C-alpha atoms as a PDB file:
ATOM      1  CA  UNK A   1     256.601  76.362 143.474  1.00  0.00           C
ATOM      2  CA  UNK A   2     258.613  77.758 140.577  1.00  0.00           C
ATOM      3  CA  UNK A   3     256.842  76.311 137.549  1.00  0.00           C
ATOM      4  CA  UNK A   4     257.549  76.172 133.838  1.00  0.00           C
ATOM      5  CA  UNK A   5     254.203  75.738 132.088  1.00  0.00           C
ATOM      6  CA  UNK A   6     254.198  74.004 128.696  1.00  0.00           C
ATOM      7  CA  UNK A   7     250.997  73.982 126.648  1.00  0.00           C
ATOM      8  CA  UNK A   8     249.505  75.375 123.467  1.00  0.00           C
ATOM      9  CA  UNK A   9     245.742  74.968 122.811  1.00  0.00           C
ATOM     10  CA  UNK A  10     242.620  76.129 124.617  1.00  0.00           C
ATOM     11  CA  UNK A  11     242.532  72.885 126.627  1.00  0.00           C
ATOM     12  CA  UNK A  12     245.602  74.006 128.593  1.00  0.00           C
ATOM     13  CA  UNK A  13     244.500  77.531 129.523  1.00  0.00           C
ATOM     14  CA  UNK A  14     242.440  76.433 132.546  1.00  0.00           C
ATOM     15  CA  UNK A  15     245.457  74.735 134.127  1.00  0.00           C
ATOM     16  CA  UNK A  16     247.698  77.772 133.616  1.00  0.00           C
ATOM     17  CA  UNK A  17     245.075  80.066 135.130  1.00  0.00           C
ATOM     18  CA  UNK A  18     244.465  77.796 138.132  1.00  0.00           C
ATOM     19  CA  UNK A  19     248.171  77.477 138.885  1.00  0.00           C
ATOM     20  CA  UNK A  20     248.505  81.257 138.954  1.00  0.00           C
ATOM     21  CA  UNK A  21     245.416  81.584 141.152  1.00  0.00           C
ATOM     22  CA  UNK A  22     246.856  78.973 143.530  1.00  0.00           C
ATOM     23  CA  UNK A  23     249.849  81.244 144.154  1.00  0.00           C
ATOM     24  CA  UNK A  24     252.518  79.390 142.196  1.00  0.00           C
ATOM     25  CA  UNK A  25     255.222  81.359 140.390  1.00  0.00           C
ATOM     26  CA  UNK A  26     255.101  80.684 136.669  1.00  0.00           C
ATOM     27  CA  UNK A  27     258.660  81.509 135.641  1.00  0.00           C
ATOM     28  CA  UNK A  28     258.140  80.763 131.932  1.00  0.00           C
ATOM     29  CA  UNK A  29     255.484  79.538 129.517  1.00  0.00           C
ATOM     30  CA  UNK A  30     256.446  77.396 126.529  1.00  0.00           C
ATOM     31  CA  UNK A  31     254.082  77.199 123.528  1.00  0.00           C
ATOM     32  CA  UNK A  32     254.055  76.152 119.912  1.00  0.00           C
ATOM     33  CA  UNK A  33     255.214  79.004 117.632  1.00  0.00           C
ATOM     34  CA  UNK A  34     252.467  81.210 116.160  1.00  0.00           C
ATOM     35  CA  UNK A  35     251.025  79.662 112.988  1.00  0.00           C
ATOM     36  CA  UNK A  36     249.010  80.809 109.958  1.00  0.00           C
ATOM     37  CA  UNK A  37     245.301  80.271 110.447  1.00  0.00           C
ATOM     38  CA  UNK A  38     241.987  80.826 108.672  1.00  0.00           C
ATOM     39  CA  UNK A  39     241.547  81.744 105.039  1.00  0.00           C
ATOM     40  CA  UNK A  40     243.815  84.776 105.214  1.00  0.00           C
ATOM     41  CA  UNK A  41     246.659  82.659 106.626  1.00  0.00           C
ATOM     42  CA  UNK A  42     247.509  85.429 109.064  1.00  0.00           C
ATOM     43  CA  UNK A  43     249.990  84.429 111.759  1.00  0.00           C
ATOM     44  CA  UNK A  44     248.157  83.941 115.061  1.00  0.00           C
ATOM     45  CA  UNK A  45     249.283  83.126 118.557  1.00  0.00           C
ATOM     46  CA  UNK A  46     247.784  80.103 120.300  1.00  0.00           C
ATOM     47  CA  UNK A  47     245.381  80.215 123.238  1.00  0.00           C
ATOM     48  CA  UNK A  48     248.021  79.604 125.925  1.00  0.00           C
ATOM     49  CA  UNK A  49     250.366  82.150 124.342  1.00  0.00           C
ATOM     50  CA  UNK A  50     247.673  84.826 124.543  1.00  0.00           C
ATOM     51  CA  UNK A  51     246.670  83.850 128.083  1.00  0.00           C
ATOM     52  CA  UNK A  52     250.281  83.975 129.282  1.00  0.00           C
ATOM     53  CA  UNK A  53     250.818  87.430 127.779  1.00  0.00           C
ATOM     54  CA  UNK A  54     247.629  88.648 129.466  1.00  0.00           C
ATOM     55  CA  UNK A  55     249.038  87.380 132.776  1.00  0.00           C
ATOM     56  CA  UNK A  56     252.364  89.116 132.137  1.00  0.00           C
ATOM     57  CA  UNK A  57     254.369  85.887 131.866  1.00  0.00           C
ATOM     58  CA  UNK A  58     257.318  85.577 129.469  1.00  0.00           C
ATOM     59  CA  UNK A  59     256.568  83.199 126.573  1.00  0.00           C
ATOM     60  CA  UNK A  60     259.053  80.980 124.737  1.00  0.00           C
ATOM     61  CA  UNK A  61     258.199  79.402 121.377  1.00  0.00           C
ATOM     62  CA  UNK A  62     261.114  77.216 120.232  1.00  0.00           C
ATOM     63  CA  UNK A  63     260.530  74.985 117.224  1.00  0.00           C
ATOM     64  CA  UNK A  64     262.536  72.273 118.959  1.00  0.00           C
ATOM     65  CA  UNK A  65     264.056  71.577 122.369  1.00  0.00           C
ATOM     66  CA  UNK A  66     266.840  69.352 121.086  1.00  0.00           C
ATOM     67  CA  UNK A  67     269.617  71.940 120.900  1.00  0.00           C
ATOM     68  CA  UNK A  68     272.033  72.495 123.783  1.00  0.00           C
ATOM     69  CA  UNK A  69     271.224  76.215 123.629  1.00  0.00           C
ATOM     70  CA  UNK A  70     267.477  75.698 124.186  1.00  0.00           C
ATOM     71  CA  UNK A  71     268.146  73.127 126.894  1.00  0.00           C
ATOM     72  CA  UNK A  72     270.446  75.547 128.711  1.00  0.00           C
ATOM     73  CA  UNK A  73     267.792  78.293 128.582  1.00  0.00           C
ATOM     74  CA  UNK A  74     265.248  75.839 129.950  1.00  0.00           C
ATOM     75  CA  UNK A  75     267.512  74.697 132.778  1.00  0.00           C
ATOM     76  CA  UNK A  76     268.405  78.257 133.725  1.00  0.00           C
ATOM     77  CA  UNK A  77     264.786  78.942 134.698  1.00  0.00           C
ATOM     78  CA  UNK A  78     265.703  76.992 137.843  1.00  0.00           C
ATOM     79  CA  UNK A  79     262.194  75.541 138.056  1.00  0.00           C
ATOM     80  CA  UNK A  80     260.905  73.161 140.688  1.00  0.00           C
ATOM     81  CA  UNK A  81     258.674  71.442 138.143  1.00  0.00           C
ATOM     82  CA  UNK A  82     257.455  71.711 134.554  1.00  0.00           C
ATOM     83  CA  UNK A  83     253.714  71.216 134.044  1.00  0.00           C
ATOM     84  CA  UNK A  84     252.915  69.953 130.550  1.00  0.00           C
ATOM     85  CA  UNK A  85     249.434  70.014 129.003  1.00  0.00           C
ATOM     86  CA  UNK A  86     249.022  69.386 125.255  1.00  0.00           C
ATOM     87  CA  UNK A  87     252.296  71.127 124.453  1.00  0.00           C
ATOM     88  CA  UNK A  88     252.921  69.439 121.106  1.00  0.00           C
ATOM     89  CA  UNK A  89     256.677  68.813 121.125  1.00  0.00           C
ATOM     90  CA  UNK A  90     258.656  65.771 122.248  1.00  0.00           C
ATOM     91  CA  UNK A  91     260.682  66.528 125.379  1.00  0.00           C
ATOM     92  CA  UNK A  92     264.289  65.250 125.285  1.00  0.00           C
ATOM     93  CA  UNK A  93     265.807  63.610 128.363  1.00  0.00           C
ATOM     94  CA  UNK A  94     267.723  66.773 129.265  1.00  0.00           C
ATOM     95  CA  UNK A  95     264.444  68.721 129.427  1.00  0.00           C
ATOM     96  CA  UNK A  96     262.651  66.003 131.395  1.00  0.00           C
ATOM     97  CA  UNK A  97     265.390  66.017 134.012  1.00  0.00           C
ATOM     98  CA  UNK A  98     266.019  69.773 134.261  1.00  0.00           C
ATOM     99  CA  UNK A  99     263.385  70.773 136.880  1.00  0.00           C
ATOM    100  CA  UNK A 100     263.914  69.537 140.435  1.00  0.00           C
ATOM    101  CA  UNK A 101     260.726  67.406 140.369  1.00  0.00           C
ATOM    102  CA  UNK A 102     260.923  66.731 136.632  1.00  0.00           C
ATOM    103  CA  UNK A 103     258.087  67.197 134.136  1.00  0.00           C
ATOM    104  CA  UNK A 104     254.485  66.382 135.049  1.00  0.00           C
ATOM    105  CA  UNK A 105     251.852  65.853 132.370  1.00  0.00           C
ATOM    106  CA  UNK A 106     248.105  66.516 132.430  1.00  0.00           C
ATOM    107  CA  UNK A 107     246.758  63.780 130.137  1.00  0.00           C
ATOM    108  CA  UNK A 108     243.125  63.634 129.018  1.00  0.00           C
ATOM    109  CA  UNK A 109     242.435  59.930 129.583  1.00  0.00           C
ATOM    110  CA  UNK A 110     242.589  57.210 132.206  1.00  0.00           C
ATOM    111  CA  UNK A 111     246.007  55.799 131.395  1.00  0.00           C
ATOM    112  CA  UNK A 112     247.112  53.376 130.079  1.00  0.00           C
ATOM    113  CA  UNK A 113     243.958  53.617 127.938  1.00  0.00           C
ATOM    114  CA  UNK A 114     244.313  56.172 125.146  1.00  0.00           C
ATOM    115  CA  UNK A 115     247.946  57.119 125.158  1.00  0.00           C
ATOM    116  CA  UNK A 116     248.710  59.488 122.310  1.00  0.00           C
ATOM    117  CA  UNK A 117     247.358  62.422 120.369  1.00  0.00           C
ATOM    118  CA  UNK A 118     243.541  62.240 120.379  1.00  0.00           C
ATOM    119  CA  UNK A 119     242.320  60.639 123.624  1.00  0.00           C
ATOM    120  CA  UNK A 120     239.117  62.676 123.918  1.00  0.00           C
ATOM    121  CA  UNK A 121     237.870  61.824 120.433  1.00  0.00           C
ATOM    122  CA  UNK A 122     238.865  58.147 120.643  1.00  0.00           C
ATOM    123  CA  UNK A 123     237.068  57.615 123.942  1.00  0.00           C
ATOM    124  CA  UNK A 124     233.786  58.817 122.432  1.00  0.00           C
ATOM    125  CA  UNK A 125     234.349  56.976 119.139  1.00  0.00           C
ATOM    126  CA  UNK A 126     234.836  53.677 120.923  1.00  0.00           C
ATOM    127  CA  UNK A 127     231.810  54.092 123.171  1.00  0.00           C
ATOM    128  CA  UNK A 128     233.780  54.323 126.430  1.00  0.00           C
ATOM    129  CA  UNK A 129     231.583  54.800 129.495  1.00  0.00           C
ATOM    130  CA  UNK A 130     234.125  56.974 131.252  1.00  0.00           C
ATOM    131  CA  UNK A 131     237.108  59.207 130.672  1.00  0.00           C
ATOM    132  CA  UNK A 132     239.176  61.336 133.005  1.00  0.00           C
ATOM    133  CA  UNK A 133     242.482  62.990 133.765  1.00  0.00           C
ATOM    134  CA  UNK A 134     245.749  61.296 134.601  1.00  0.00           C
ATOM    135  CA  UNK A 135     248.532  63.339 136.183  1.00  0.00           C
ATOM    136  CA  UNK A 136     251.685  61.547 135.091  1.00  0.00           C
ATOM    137  CA  UNK A 137     255.413  61.804 135.773  1.00  0.00           C
ATOM    138  CA  UNK A 138     256.840  62.098 132.284  1.00  0.00           C
ATOM    139  CA  UNK A 139     259.527  59.789 130.944  1.00  0.00           C
ATOM    140  CA  UNK A 140     260.950  59.305 127.453  1.00  0.00           C
ATOM    141  CA  UNK A 141     258.095  57.042 126.320  1.00  0.00           C
ATOM    142  CA  UNK A 142     254.762  58.044 124.780  1.00  0.00           C
ATOM    143  CA  UNK A 143     252.545  58.653 127.818  1.00  0.00           C
ATOM    144  CA  UNK A 144     254.172  55.743 129.642  1.00  0.00           C
ATOM    145  CA  UNK A 145     255.234  57.479 132.871  1.00  0.00           C
ATOM    146  CA  UNK A 146     254.175  56.670 136.424  1.00  0.00           C
ATOM    147  CA  UNK A 147     250.754  57.816 137.629  1.00  0.00           C
ATOM    148  CA  UNK A 148     250.710  60.516 140.315  1.00  0.00           C
ATOM    149  CA  UNK A 149     246.984  61.240 140.425  1.00  0.00           C
ATOM    150  CA  UNK A 150     243.841  60.300 138.526  1.00  0.00           C
ATOM    151  CA  UNK A 151     240.162  61.192 138.455  1.00  0.00           C
ATOM    152  CA  UNK A 152     237.380  59.895 136.220  1.00  0.00           C
ATOM    153  CA  UNK A 153     234.118  61.270 134.865  1.00  0.00           C
ATOM    154  CA  UNK A 154     231.183  59.687 133.059  1.00  0.00           C
ATOM    155  CA  UNK A 155     230.633  59.738 129.295  1.00  0.00           C
ATOM    156  CA  UNK A 156     226.933  59.733 128.391  1.00  0.00           C
ATOM    157  CA  UNK A 157     225.081  59.441 125.082  1.00  0.00           C
ATOM    158  CA  UNK A 158     224.834  63.233 125.079  1.00  0.00           C
ATOM    159  CA  UNK A 159     228.601  63.720 125.456  1.00  0.00           C
ATOM    160  CA  UNK A 160     230.330  65.319 122.481  1.00  0.00           C
ATOM    161  CA  UNK A 161     233.987  66.147 121.968  1.00  0.00           C
ATOM    162  CA  UNK A 162     233.502  69.864 122.801  1.00  0.00           C
ATOM    163  CA  UNK A 163     231.632  68.953 126.001  1.00  0.00           C
ATOM    164  CA  UNK A 164     234.206  66.382 127.113  1.00  0.00           C
ATOM    165  CA  UNK A 165     237.054  68.712 126.148  1.00  0.00           C
ATOM    166  CA  UNK A 166     235.757  71.440 128.458  1.00  0.00           C
ATOM    167  CA  UNK A 167     234.997  69.000 131.288  1.00  0.00           C
ATOM    168  CA  UNK A 168     238.483  67.505 131.155  1.00  0.00           C
ATOM    169  CA  UNK A 169     240.148  70.896 130.827  1.00  0.00           C
ATOM    170  CA  UNK A 170     238.490  72.031 134.066  1.00  0.00           C
ATOM    171  CA  UNK A 171     239.165  68.717 135.794  1.00  0.00           C
ATOM    172  CA  UNK A 172     242.830  68.768 134.753  1.00  0.00           C
ATOM    173  CA  UNK A 173     243.258  72.263 136.164  1.00  0.00           C
ATOM    174  CA  UNK A 174     241.858  71.261 139.545  1.00  0.00           C
ATOM    175  CA  UNK A 175     243.775  67.991 139.645  1.00  0.00           C
ATOM    176  CA  UNK A 176     247.188  69.487 138.863  1.00  0.00           C
ATOM    177  CA  UNK A 177     246.778  72.031 141.669  1.00  0.00           C
ATOM    178  CA  UNK A 178     245.743  69.230 144.028  1.00  0.00           C
ATOM    179  CA  UNK A 179     248.704  67.105 142.934  1.00  0.00           C
ATOM    180  CA  UNK A 180     251.289  69.822 143.450  1.00  0.00           C
ATOM    181  CA  UNK A 181     249.918  70.558 146.930  1.00  0.00           C
ATOM    182  CA  UNK A 182     250.824  67.035 148.059  1.00  0.00           C
ATOM    183  CA  UNK A 183     253.601  66.177 145.599  1.00  0.00           C
ATOM    184  CA  UNK A 184     256.182  65.350 148.282  1.00  0.00           C
ATOM    185  CA  UNK A 185     253.898  62.686 149.771  1.00  0.00           C
ATOM    186  CA  UNK A 186     252.799  61.013 146.524  1.00  0.00           C
ATOM    187  CA  UNK A 187     254.106  57.544 145.757  1.00  0.00           C
ATOM    188  CA  UNK A 188     254.206  57.154 141.941  1.00  0.00           C
ATOM    189  CA  UNK A 189     252.345  54.116 140.594  1.00  0.00           C
ATOM    190  CA  UNK A 190     253.636  52.374 137.437  1.00  0.00           C
ATOM    191  CA  UNK A 191     251.044  52.102 134.697  1.00  0.00           C
ATOM    192  CA  UNK A 192     249.429  48.671 134.262  1.00  0.00           C
ATOM    193  CA  UNK A 193     250.806  46.624 131.388  1.00  0.00           C
ATOM    194  CA  UNK A 194     247.282  45.501 130.439  1.00  0.00           C
ATOM    195  CA  UNK A 195     244.672  47.728 128.828  1.00  0.00           C
ATOM    196  CA  UNK A 196     247.075  49.816 126.767  1.00  0.00           C
ATOM    197  CA  UNK A 197     245.465  51.552 123.772  1.00  0.00           C
ATOM    198  CA  UNK A 198     246.713  54.322 121.486  1.00  0.00           C
ATOM    199  CA  UNK A 199     244.706  57.358 120.480  1.00  0.00           C
ATOM    200  CA  UNK A 200     246.092  57.865 116.995  1.00  0.00           C
ATOM    201  CA  UNK A 201     245.905  61.285 115.383  1.00  0.00           C
ATOM    202  CA  UNK A 202     242.640  61.954 113.534  1.00  0.00           C
ATOM    203  CA  UNK A 203     242.538  61.973 109.759  1.00  0.00           C
ATOM    204  CA  UNK A 204     239.880  63.672 107.671  1.00  0.00           C
ATOM    205  CA  UNK A 205     238.694  60.470 105.975  1.00  0.00           C
ATOM    206  CA  UNK A 206     237.425  59.156 109.313  1.00  0.00           C
ATOM    207  CA  UNK A 207     234.565  61.619 109.088  1.00  0.00           C
ATOM    208  CA  UNK A 208     232.857  59.866 106.168  1.00  0.00           C
ATOM    209  CA  UNK A 209     229.543  58.324 107.246  1.00  0.00           C
ATOM    210  CA  UNK A 210     229.303  54.753 105.981  1.00  0.00           C
ATOM    211  CA  UNK A 211     225.658  53.745 106.257  1.00  0.00           C
ATOM    212  CA  UNK A 212     226.663  50.079 106.493  1.00  0.00           C
ATOM    213  CA  UNK A 213     227.783  50.748 110.048  1.00  0.00           C
ATOM    214  CA  UNK A 214     225.256  50.645 112.867  1.00  0.00           C
ATOM    215  CA  UNK A 215     223.364  53.787 113.811  1.00  0.00           C
ATOM    216  CA  UNK A 216     225.011  53.700 117.232  1.00  0.00           C
ATOM    217  CA  UNK A 217     228.510  53.680 115.703  1.00  0.00           C
ATOM    218  CA  UNK A 218     227.627  56.558 113.378  1.00  0.00           C
ATOM    219  CA  UNK A 219     226.102  58.572 116.222  1.00  0.00           C
ATOM    220  CA  UNK A 220     229.368  58.173 118.119  1.00  0.00           C
ATOM    221  CA  UNK A 221     231.264  59.418 115.052  1.00  0.00           C
ATOM    222  CA  UNK A 222     229.087  62.512 114.864  1.00  0.00           C
ATOM    223  CA  UNK A 223     229.569  63.185 118.584  1.00  0.00           C
ATOM    224  CA  UNK A 224     233.333  62.615 118.414  1.00  0.00           C
ATOM    225  CA  UNK A 225     234.434  64.164 115.130  1.00  0.00           C
ATOM    226  CA  UNK A 226     232.728  67.541 115.182  1.00  0.00           C
ATOM    227  CA  UNK A 227     233.878  70.238 114.779  1.00  0.00           C
ATOM    228  CA  UNK A 228     236.976  68.605 113.193  1.00  0.00           C
ATOM    229  CA  UNK A 229     237.350  66.751 110.912  1.00  0.00           C
ATOM    230  CA  UNK A 230     233.549  66.807 110.738  1.00  0.00           C
ATOM    231  CA  UNK A 231     231.197  64.047 109.589  1.00  0.00           C
ATOM    232  CA  UNK A 232     229.596  63.955 106.175  1.00  0.00           C
ATOM    233  CA  UNK A 233     227.988  61.982 103.337  1.00  0.00           C
ATOM    234  CA  UNK A 234     227.395  62.584  99.640  1.00  0.00           C
ATOM    235  CA  UNK A 235     223.920  63.289  98.260  1.00  0.00           C
ATOM    236  CA  UNK A 236     223.149  64.552  94.738  1.00  0.00           C
ATOM    237  CA  UNK A 237     226.901  65.149  94.298  1.00  0.00           C
ATOM    238  CA  UNK A 238     226.842  67.468  97.310  1.00  0.00           C
ATOM    239  CA  UNK A 239     228.827  66.916 100.478  1.00  0.00           C
ATOM    240  CA  UNK A 240     226.423  67.310 103.389  1.00  0.00           C
ATOM    241  CA  UNK A 241     227.888  67.675 106.857  1.00  0.00           C
ATOM    242  CA  UNK A 242     225.994  66.145 109.767  1.00  0.00           C
ATOM    243  CA  UNK A 243     226.498  68.057 112.989  1.00  0.00           C
ATOM    244  CA  UNK A 244     223.858  66.417 115.170  1.00  0.00           C
ATOM    245  CA  UNK A 245     221.785  63.242 114.900  1.00  0.00           C
ATOM    246  CA  UNK A 246     219.940  60.725 117.048  1.00  0.00           C
ATOM    247  CA  UNK A 247     219.386  56.979 116.829  1.00  0.00           C
ATOM    248  CA  UNK A 248     215.821  55.976 115.951  1.00  0.00           C
ATOM    249  CA  UNK A 249     214.077  52.588 115.561  1.00  0.00           C
ATOM    250  CA  UNK A 250     213.596  52.174 111.828  1.00  0.00           C
ATOM    251  CA  UNK A 251     214.419  49.488 109.270  1.00  0.00           C
ATOM    252  CA  UNK A 252     215.540  49.532 105.668  1.00  0.00           C
ATOM    253  CA  UNK A 253     218.557  49.000 103.462  1.00  0.00           C
ATOM    254  CA  UNK A 254     221.728  50.805 104.556  1.00  0.00           C
ATOM    255  CA  UNK A 255     221.693  54.297 103.048  1.00  0.00           C
ATOM    256  CA  UNK A 256     217.962  54.246 102.334  1.00  0.00           C
ATOM    257  CA  UNK A 257     216.182  57.537 103.028  1.00  0.00           C
ATOM    258  CA  UNK A 258     212.793  57.224 104.670  1.00  0.00           C
ATOM    259  CA  UNK A 259     209.864  59.483 103.880  1.00  0.00           C
ATOM    260  CA  UNK A 260     208.634  60.888 107.133  1.00  0.00           C
ATOM    261  CA  UNK A 261     207.332  64.250 108.260  1.00  0.00           C
ATOM    262  CA  UNK A 262     208.643  67.349 106.505  1.00  0.00           C
ATOM    263  CA  UNK A 263     211.007  68.209 109.349  1.00  0.00           C
ATOM    264  CA  UNK A 264     212.719  64.803 109.440  1.00  0.00           C
ATOM    265  CA  UNK A 265     215.465  63.162 107.420  1.00  0.00           C
ATOM    266  CA  UNK A 266     215.936  59.566 108.521  1.00  0.00           C
ATOM    267  CA  UNK A 267     218.665  57.362 107.052  1.00  0.00           C
ATOM    268  CA  UNK A 268     218.729  53.596 107.498  1.00  0.00           C
ATOM    269  CA  UNK A 269     221.995  52.083 108.700  1.00  0.00           C
ATOM    270  CA  UNK A 270     223.476  48.608 108.974  1.00  0.00           C
ATOM    271  CA  UNK A 271     221.512  48.364 112.193  1.00  0.00           C
ATOM    272  CA  UNK A 272     218.899  50.908 113.198  1.00  0.00           C
ATOM    273  CA  UNK A 273     218.624  54.359 111.677  1.00  0.00           C
ATOM    274  CA  UNK A 274     219.756  57.933 112.196  1.00  0.00           C
ATOM    275  CA  UNK A 275     217.528  60.966 112.341  1.00  0.00           C
ATOM    276  CA  UNK A 276     219.607  63.874 111.035  1.00  0.00           C
ATOM    277  CA  UNK A 277     218.944  66.904 113.221  1.00  0.00           C
ATOM    278  CA  UNK A 278     221.517  69.559 112.284  1.00  0.00           C
ATOM    279  CA  UNK A 279     223.168  69.654 108.865  1.00  0.00           C
ATOM    280  CA  UNK A 280     225.164  71.927 106.593  1.00  0.00           C
ATOM    281  CA  UNK A 281     225.946  72.332 102.891  1.00  0.00           C
ATOM    282  CA  UNK A 282     229.335  73.641 101.696  1.00  0.00           C
ATOM    283  CA  UNK A 283     229.535  77.425 101.972  1.00  0.00           C
ATOM    284  CA  UNK A 284     226.312  77.634 103.973  1.00  0.00           C
ATOM    285  CA  UNK A 285     225.578  78.012 107.647  1.00  0.00           C
ATOM    286  CA  UNK A 286     224.451  75.052 109.728  1.00  0.00           C
ATOM    287  CA  UNK A 287     220.702  74.562 109.939  1.00  0.00           C
ATOM    288  CA  UNK A 288     218.208  72.403 111.735  1.00  0.00           C
ATOM    289  CA  UNK A 289     216.862  69.693 109.444  1.00  0.00           C
ATOM    290  CA  UNK A 290     213.478  71.419 109.404  1.00  0.00           C
ATOM    291  CA  UNK A 291     215.094  74.632 108.135  1.00  0.00           C
ATOM    292  CA  UNK A 292     217.330  72.770 105.680  1.00  0.00           C
ATOM    293  CA  UNK A 293     214.475  70.825 104.076  1.00  0.00           C
ATOM    294  CA  UNK A 294     212.453  73.967 103.341  1.00  0.00           C
ATOM    295  CA  UNK A 295     214.828  74.593 100.441  1.00  0.00           C
ATOM    296  CA  UNK A 296     216.052  71.085  99.693  1.00  0.00           C
ATOM    297  CA  UNK A 297     214.242  67.984  98.497  1.00  0.00           C
ATOM    298  CA  UNK A 298     215.693  64.695  99.654  1.00  0.00           C
ATOM    299  CA  UNK A 299     213.845  62.538  97.146  1.00  0.00           C
ATOM    300  CA  UNK A 300     213.883  64.599  93.935  1.00  0.00           C
ATOM    301  CA  UNK A 301     216.676  63.769  91.468  1.00  0.00           C
END
């Protein structure tokens, strides 16, 4: 098939690569424009942009697709289908209707649960037992289109956002290839009207660890919100990031630190307690708690 691929971050690279390997003709790749990154604010191309250039595919980076000029360029690619994976721009009706088969989205949740911007993080935050990929025929709504294909996978207590991200990226790549192979025989299924939830964009304040919450809820935060926006608490006027922790059976007032062995830092929560296992001070590298506590006293003022 003649395919326009639309995606920007690392999540989308697997799908682009698999489509090329499957023998499809990628006639154009659309990405977000290069943006300033890191402390030097140097302009850097995104992951899909770099991957497309390495594959020798022409890349387009419009700031918007609303103009007649951009829509004409898009239509002139004469594509059979546009495959969209975390592209980052709203697609106007003219874009949605330009390819012969329309625009097909690789969405990182089991729709209609977790429509929106942060489905991977929200699934872990809410303690979902499963996630997955939905291949969806795009319409003008927010992830409201008909379902073309779907596959689930299990979320365990060990699942973190980076782990689930990579699992879903690989699954999405396989599933879009499978979907396109049988696209003419697929009967689209409207999304159920029940079970709709929205995965709102993350904000930095969500990373604050409130010890009044249960240890299980806080563990889910730590699994979901690292590496960004990160999870942290204040101690001795220092912001301490928590990168890894486990739930342990201990009792005390919320926020109470328990004296245990030298290598442990246990914090009581609204229910249960957390054993902090990997932590970080501002400007320092991340350390195991055992390493961290060699130069830091929890109980001294």
